[in-house]
Amino acid sequence: QMQLVESGGGLVQAGDSLRLSCAASGRTFSRYAMAWFRQAPGKEREFVAHIIWSGMTTRYADSVKGRFTISRDNAKSMVYLQMNNLKPEDTAVYYCAAPDLDSTAPMKFPQSYAYWGPGTQVTVSS
């Protein structure tokens, strides 16, 4: 079992930066891949970024590539999403997620993840 709690959201202007954090409970955090998703009003939840258990490999949605960076600190059971050059279209509720241990399901689909945080709102004004 794993519990996730996001923090760090807020209201910013276009071009600003934010750093989201996700605190995970559970003694086996370091064994899990982790991901960030987001959901804007009236839209489906979409993949943002993924990081494997060691942090050595990351993947990003094309819409955030070059602007967002996912990272993790296994000693602290934390996952981060550094968001730079934010755009109004980045406005959404951001969720961190973890799959079942040893899952091989495709990383970009919400259905592939078993554990979710409650989300944190990010609003970018133009």
Foldseek 3Di string as FASTA:
>chain_A
DKAKAKDWADEEAAQAKTKMKIAMDDPPLLQWKKFKWWDDPPGDIWGAKIAGSVRPDMDGDPVQPPFWDWGADSVRRMIMIIGGRDDQVVWTWMKMFTAPGPQPPDPTDPVRTDYIHPTDTHGYHD
